[in-house]
Amino acid sequence: EEHERECQAEEARAKAQLEEKERLAREEAEVEAARQLQEELQAEEARPKAQLEEEERLAKEEARKLEEEGERLSREVTKRLKEEGDRLAREATEAARVKEEHERECQ
């Protein structure tokens, strides 16, 4: 009888230990699943951030190129206006010289 009680107590302890191990294994699996989900969420968040950073970098590069092109065009227009101004000044000077000469000849 006592031996039987000891066996039953031993079986109850073994069963309790097994149940505890199963519970711990389930908790560990839940923790691992939560960790994996967290990693996946962080990866999802990182992708759009990286994409936005790349788009921002490209936009800044495009803005820099446009600014450089604007400066180049401004220099070119300024140069052409100066050349045209110089040409008109030469023509006006020549026209004035020709007019003076013509007036002198007519007198």
N, C-alpha and C. Protein backbone atom coordinates (compact mmCIF):
# COMPACT_ATOMS: atom_id res chain seq x y z
N GLU A 1 0.83 -1.20 0.00
CA GLU A 1 0.00 0.00 0.00
C GLU A 1 0.87 1.26 0.00
N GLU A 2 1.85 1.29 0.90
CA GLU A 2 2.72 2.45 0.95
C GLU A 2 3.54 2.53 -0.33
N HIS A 3 3.99 1.38 -0.79
CA HIS A 3 4.74 1.33 -2.04
C HIS A 3 3.87 1.87 -3.19
N GLU A 4 2.61 1.50 -3.18
CA GLU A 4 1.70 1.97 -4.22
C GLU A 4 1.52 3.48 -4.13
N ARG A 5 1.41 3.99 -2.91
CA ARG A 5 1.28 5.45 -2.73
C ARG A 5 2.54 6.16 -3.22
N GLU A 6 3.70 5.59 -2.91
CA GLU A 6 4.94 6.18 -3.37
C GLU A 6 5.02 6.18 -4.89
N CYS A 7 4.58 5.09 -5.51
CA CYS A 7 4.57 5.00 -6.97
C CYS A 7 3.62 6.04 -7.55
N GLN A 8 2.44 6.17 -6.94
CA GLN A 8 1.48 7.17 -7.43
C GLN A 8 2.02 8.58 -7.27
N ALA A 9 2.69 8.82 -6.12
CA ALA A 9 3.27 10.14 -5.89
C ALA A 9 4.37 10.41 -6.91
N GLU A 10 5.18 9.38 -7.18
CA GLU A 10 6.25 9.52 -8.18
C GLU A 10 5.64 9.78 -9.55
N GLU A 11 4.59 9.08 -9.90
CA GLU A 11 3.91 9.28 -11.18
C GLU A 11 3.33 10.70 -11.26
N ALA A 12 2.76 11.17 -10.14
CA ALA A 12 2.19 12.51 -10.12
C ALA A 12 3.28 13.55 -10.30
N ARG A 13 4.44 13.35 -9.63
CA ARG A 13 5.56 14.27 -9.80
C ARG A 13 6.07 14.25 -11.25
N ALA A 14 6.20 13.06 -11.82
CA ALA A 14 6.68 12.93 -13.20
C ALA A 14 5.69 13.61 -14.16
N LYS A 15 4.39 13.40 -13.90
CA LYS A 15 3.37 14.01 -14.75
C LYS A 15 3.43 15.54 -14.62
N ALA A 16 3.59 16.03 -13.38
CA ALA A 16 3.67 17.47 -13.16
C ALA A 16 4.91 18.05 -13.86
N GLN A 17 6.03 17.33 -13.77
CA GLN A 17 7.25 17.79 -14.44
C GLN A 17 7.06 17.83 -15.96
N LEU A 18 6.41 16.80 -16.47
CA LEU A 18 6.16 16.74 -17.91
C LEU A 18 5.26 17.90 -18.33
N GLU A 19 4.20 18.12 -17.57
CA GLU A 19 3.30 19.24 -17.88
C GLU A 19 4.03 20.58 -17.82
N GLU A 20 4.90 20.74 -16.84
CA GLU A 20 5.68 21.98 -16.71
C GLU A 20 6.62 22.14 -17.91
N LYS A 21 7.28 21.06 -18.32
CA LYS A 21 8.15 21.12 -19.49
C LYS A 21 7.35 21.48 -20.74
N GLU A 22 6.18 20.89 -20.89
CA GLU A 22 5.32 21.20 -22.05
C GLU A 22 4.89 22.67 -22.03
N ARG A 23 4.53 23.16 -20.83
CA ARG A 23 4.12 24.56 -20.70
C ARG A 23 5.28 25.49 -21.07
N LEU A 24 6.47 25.19 -20.55
CA LEU A 24 7.65 26.00 -20.86
C LEU A 24 7.98 25.95 -22.35
N ALA A 25 7.83 24.78 -22.97
CA ALA A 25 8.09 24.66 -24.41
C ALA A 25 7.10 25.50 -25.21
N ARG A 26 5.82 25.50 -24.79
CA ARG A 26 4.81 26.33 -25.48
C ARG A 26 5.13 27.81 -25.32
N GLU A 27 5.50 28.22 -24.11
CA GLU A 27 5.85 29.62 -23.87
C GLU A 27 7.07 30.02 -24.71
N GLU A 28 8.05 29.13 -24.76
CA GLU A 28 9.26 29.41 -25.54
C GLU A 28 8.90 29.55 -27.03
N ALA A 29 8.02 28.69 -27.51
CA ALA A 29 7.59 28.77 -28.91
C ALA A 29 6.84 30.07 -29.17
N GLU A 30 6.01 30.49 -28.22
CA GLU A 30 5.27 31.75 -28.37
C GLU A 30 6.23 32.94 -28.38
N VAL A 31 7.23 32.89 -27.49
CA VAL A 31 8.22 33.97 -27.44
C VAL A 31 8.99 34.03 -28.76
N GLU A 32 9.39 32.89 -29.28
CA GLU A 32 10.13 32.84 -30.56
C GLU A 32 9.26 33.36 -31.70
N ALA A 33 7.98 32.98 -31.73
CA ALA A 33 7.07 33.46 -32.77
C ALA A 33 6.91 34.98 -32.67
N ALA A 34 6.80 35.50 -31.46
CA ALA A 34 6.67 36.95 -31.27
C ALA A 34 7.95 37.66 -31.72
N ARG A 35 9.11 37.07 -31.42
CA ARG A 35 10.38 37.66 -31.83
C ARG A 35 10.48 37.71 -33.36
N GLN A 36 10.10 36.61 -34.00
CA GLN A 36 10.15 36.58 -35.47
C GLN A 36 9.19 37.62 -36.07
N LEU A 37 8.01 37.71 -35.47
CA LEU A 37 7.05 38.70 -35.97
C LEU A 37 7.60 40.11 -35.81
N GLN A 38 8.23 40.38 -34.67
CA GLN A 38 8.84 41.69 -34.44
C GLN A 38 9.92 41.98 -35.48
N GLU A 39 10.75 40.99 -35.77
CA GLU A 39 11.80 41.16 -36.79
C GLU A 39 11.19 41.46 -38.15
N GLU A 40 10.12 40.74 -38.49
CA GLU A 40 9.45 40.97 -39.78
C GLU A 40 8.87 42.38 -39.84
N LEU A 41 8.26 42.82 -38.74
CA LEU A 41 7.70 44.18 -38.72
C LEU A 41 8.79 45.23 -38.87
N GLN A 42 9.91 45.02 -38.18
CA GLN A 42 11.01 45.97 -38.30
C GLN A 42 11.56 46.00 -39.72
N ALA A 43 11.62 44.83 -40.36
CA ALA A 43 12.10 44.77 -41.74
C ALA A 43 11.13 45.51 -42.65
N GLU A 44 9.84 45.33 -42.42
CA GLU A 44 8.82 46.03 -43.22
C GLU A 44 8.95 47.54 -43.04
N GLU A 45 9.19 47.99 -41.82
CA GLU A 45 9.34 49.42 -41.55
C GLU A 45 10.62 49.96 -42.18
N ALA A 46 11.66 49.14 -42.18
CA ALA A 46 12.96 49.59 -42.70
C ALA A 46 12.92 49.76 -44.22
N ARG A 47 12.17 48.89 -44.91
CA ARG A 47 12.13 48.98 -46.37
C ARG A 47 11.58 50.33 -46.84
N PRO A 48 10.41 50.76 -46.38
CA PRO A 48 9.93 52.07 -46.83
C PRO A 48 10.88 53.20 -46.44
N LYS A 49 11.49 53.10 -45.26
CA LYS A 49 12.43 54.14 -44.84
C LYS A 49 13.61 54.20 -45.79
N ALA A 50 14.16 53.05 -46.13
CA ALA A 50 15.29 53.01 -47.06
C ALA A 50 14.86 53.54 -48.43
N GLN A 51 13.65 53.17 -48.84
CA GLN A 51 13.15 53.64 -50.13
C GLN A 51 12.98 55.17 -50.11
N LEU A 52 12.45 55.69 -49.02
CA LEU A 52 12.28 57.15 -48.91
C LEU A 52 13.63 57.85 -48.90
N GLU A 53 14.59 57.28 -48.20
CA GLU A 53 15.92 57.87 -48.17
C GLU A 53 16.54 57.89 -49.56
N GLU A 54 16.34 56.82 -50.33
CA GLU A 54 16.88 56.76 -51.69
C GLU A 54 16.18 57.80 -52.58
N GLU A 55 14.85 57.91 -52.44
CA GLU A 55 14.11 58.91 -53.21
C GLU A 55 14.56 60.32 -52.86
N GLU A 56 14.80 60.56 -51.58
CA GLU A 56 15.27 61.88 -51.13
C GLU A 56 16.66 62.17 -51.71
N ARG A 57 17.53 61.16 -51.70
CA ARG A 57 18.88 61.33 -52.25
C ARG A 57 18.80 61.66 -53.75
N LEU A 58 17.92 60.93 -54.46
CA LEU A 58 17.77 61.18 -55.89
C LEU A 58 17.20 62.56 -56.16
N ALA A 59 16.24 62.98 -55.34
CA ALA A 59 15.64 64.31 -55.51
C ALA A 59 16.69 65.40 -55.28
N LYS A 60 17.52 65.23 -54.25
CA LYS A 60 18.58 66.21 -53.99
C LYS A 60 19.58 66.26 -55.14
N GLU A 61 19.92 65.08 -55.67
CA GLU A 61 20.85 65.03 -56.81
C GLU A 61 20.24 65.74 -58.02
N GLU A 62 18.96 65.50 -58.27
CA GLU A 62 18.28 66.16 -59.39
C GLU A 62 18.23 67.67 -59.18
N ALA A 63 17.95 68.11 -57.96
CA ALA A 63 17.91 69.54 -57.65
C ALA A 63 19.29 70.17 -57.88
N ARG A 64 20.34 69.46 -57.48
CA ARG A 64 21.71 69.96 -57.68
C ARG A 64 22.01 70.10 -59.17
N LYS A 65 21.62 69.08 -59.95
CA LYS A 65 21.87 69.13 -61.39
C LYS A 65 21.09 70.28 -62.03
N LEU A 66 19.84 70.46 -61.61
CA LEU A 66 19.03 71.55 -62.16
C LEU A 66 19.63 72.91 -61.81
N GLU A 67 20.13 73.04 -60.60
CA GLU A 67 20.76 74.30 -60.18
C GLU A 67 22.00 74.57 -61.02
N GLU A 68 22.81 73.54 -61.23
CA GLU A 68 24.01 73.70 -62.06
C GLU A 68 23.63 74.08 -63.48
N GLU A 69 22.60 73.45 -64.03
CA GLU A 69 22.15 73.76 -65.39
C GLU A 69 21.63 75.19 -65.45
N GLY A 70 20.91 75.63 -64.41
CA GLY A 70 20.42 77.00 -64.36
C GLY A 70 21.57 78.00 -64.34
N GLU A 71 22.59 77.70 -63.56
CA GLU A 71 23.76 78.59 -63.50
C GLU A 71 24.48 78.62 -64.85
N ARG A 72 24.60 77.47 -65.50
CA ARG A 72 25.26 77.41 -66.81
C ARG A 72 24.47 78.23 -67.83
N LEU A 73 23.15 78.06 -67.84
CA LEU A 73 22.32 78.82 -68.78
C LEU A 73 22.40 80.31 -68.51
N SER A 74 22.43 80.67 -67.23
CA SER A 74 22.53 82.09 -66.87
C SER A 74 23.84 82.68 -67.39
N ARG A 75 24.95 81.94 -67.21
CA ARG A 75 26.24 82.42 -67.72
C ARG A 75 26.21 82.55 -69.25
N GLU A 76 25.60 81.56 -69.92
CA GLU A 76 25.53 81.59 -71.37
C GLU A 76 24.70 82.77 -71.87
N VAL A 77 23.55 83.01 -71.24
CA VAL A 77 22.70 84.14 -71.64
C VAL A 77 23.43 85.46 -71.40
N THR A 78 24.09 85.57 -70.24
CA THR A 78 24.84 86.80 -69.94
C THR A 78 25.92 87.03 -70.99
N LYS A 79 26.64 85.97 -71.37
CA LYS A 79 27.70 86.07 -72.37
C LYS A 79 27.11 86.52 -73.71
N ARG A 80 26.00 85.91 -74.11
CA ARG A 80 25.39 86.27 -75.40
C ARG A 80 24.87 87.71 -75.40
N LEU A 81 24.27 88.12 -74.27
CA LEU A 81 23.79 89.51 -74.19
C LEU A 81 24.95 90.49 -74.28
N LYS A 82 26.06 90.17 -73.62
CA LYS A 82 27.24 91.04 -73.69
C LYS A 82 27.76 91.11 -75.12
N GLU A 83 27.85 89.93 -75.77
CA GLU A 83 28.32 89.92 -77.16
C GLU A 83 27.40 90.75 -78.06
N GLU A 84 26.09 90.58 -77.87
CA GLU A 84 25.12 91.33 -78.67
C GLU A 84 25.23 92.83 -78.37
N GLY A 85 25.39 93.17 -77.09
CA GLY A 85 25.58 94.58 -76.71
C GLY A 85 26.82 95.16 -77.34
N ASP A 86 27.93 94.39 -77.30
CA ASP A 86 29.18 94.85 -77.91
C ASP A 86 29.00 95.04 -79.42
N ARG A 87 28.31 94.09 -80.07
CA ARG A 87 28.08 94.18 -81.52
C ARG A 87 27.26 95.43 -81.85
N LEU A 88 26.19 95.66 -81.08
CA LEU A 88 25.35 96.84 -81.33
C LEU A 88 26.13 98.13 -81.10
N ALA A 89 26.98 98.12 -80.07
CA ALA A 89 27.80 99.31 -79.80
C ALA A 89 28.76 99.57 -80.96
N ARG A 90 29.37 98.51 -81.49
CA ARG A 90 30.27 98.68 -82.65
C ARG A 90 29.50 99.21 -83.86
N GLU A 91 28.30 98.64 -84.08
CA GLU A 91 27.50 99.10 -85.23
C GLU A 91 27.08 100.56 -85.05
N ALA A 92 26.72 100.93 -83.83
CA ALA A 92 26.31 102.33 -83.58
C ALA A 92 27.50 103.26 -83.78
N THR A 93 28.66 102.84 -83.31
CA THR A 93 29.87 103.64 -83.48
C THR A 93 30.18 103.79 -84.98
N GLU A 94 30.08 102.69 -85.70
CA GLU A 94 30.34 102.73 -87.15
C GLU A 94 29.32 103.61 -87.86
N ALA A 95 28.04 103.49 -87.47
CA ALA A 95 27.00 104.31 -88.09
C ALA A 95 27.24 105.79 -87.81
N ALA A 96 27.64 106.11 -86.59
CA ALA A 96 27.93 107.51 -86.24
C ALA A 96 29.12 108.02 -87.05
N ARG A 97 30.14 107.18 -87.21
CA ARG A 97 31.31 107.58 -87.99
C ARG A 97 30.93 107.82 -89.45
N VAL A 98 30.12 106.89 -90.00
CA VAL A 98 29.69 107.04 -91.39
C VAL A 98 28.84 108.30 -91.53
N LYS A 99 27.96 108.58 -90.59
CA LYS A 99 27.11 109.77 -90.64
C LYS A 99 27.96 111.04 -90.61
N GLU A 100 28.94 111.08 -89.70
CA GLU A 100 29.83 112.24 -89.60
C GLU A 100 30.57 112.45 -90.91
N GLU A 101 31.07 111.37 -91.45
CA GLU A 101 31.79 111.45 -92.71
C GLU A 101 30.89 111.99 -93.81
N HIS A 102 29.69 111.48 -93.86
CA HIS A 102 28.73 111.92 -94.88
C HIS A 102 28.40 113.39 -94.71
N GLU A 103 28.22 113.84 -93.45
CA GLU A 103 27.92 115.26 -93.20
C GLU A 103 29.08 116.14 -93.63
N ARG A 104 30.29 115.69 -93.36
CA ARG A 104 31.47 116.48 -93.75
C ARG A 104 31.56 116.58 -95.26
N GLU A 105 31.26 115.46 -95.92
CA GLU A 105 31.34 115.45 -97.38
C GLU A 105 30.27 116.36 -97.97
N CYS A 106 29.11 116.45 -97.33
CA CYS A 106 28.01 117.24 -97.84
C CYS A 106 28.24 118.73 -97.62
N GLN A 107 29.07 119.11 -96.72
CA GLN A 107 29.28 120.54 -96.44
C GLN A 107 30.16 121.18 -97.43
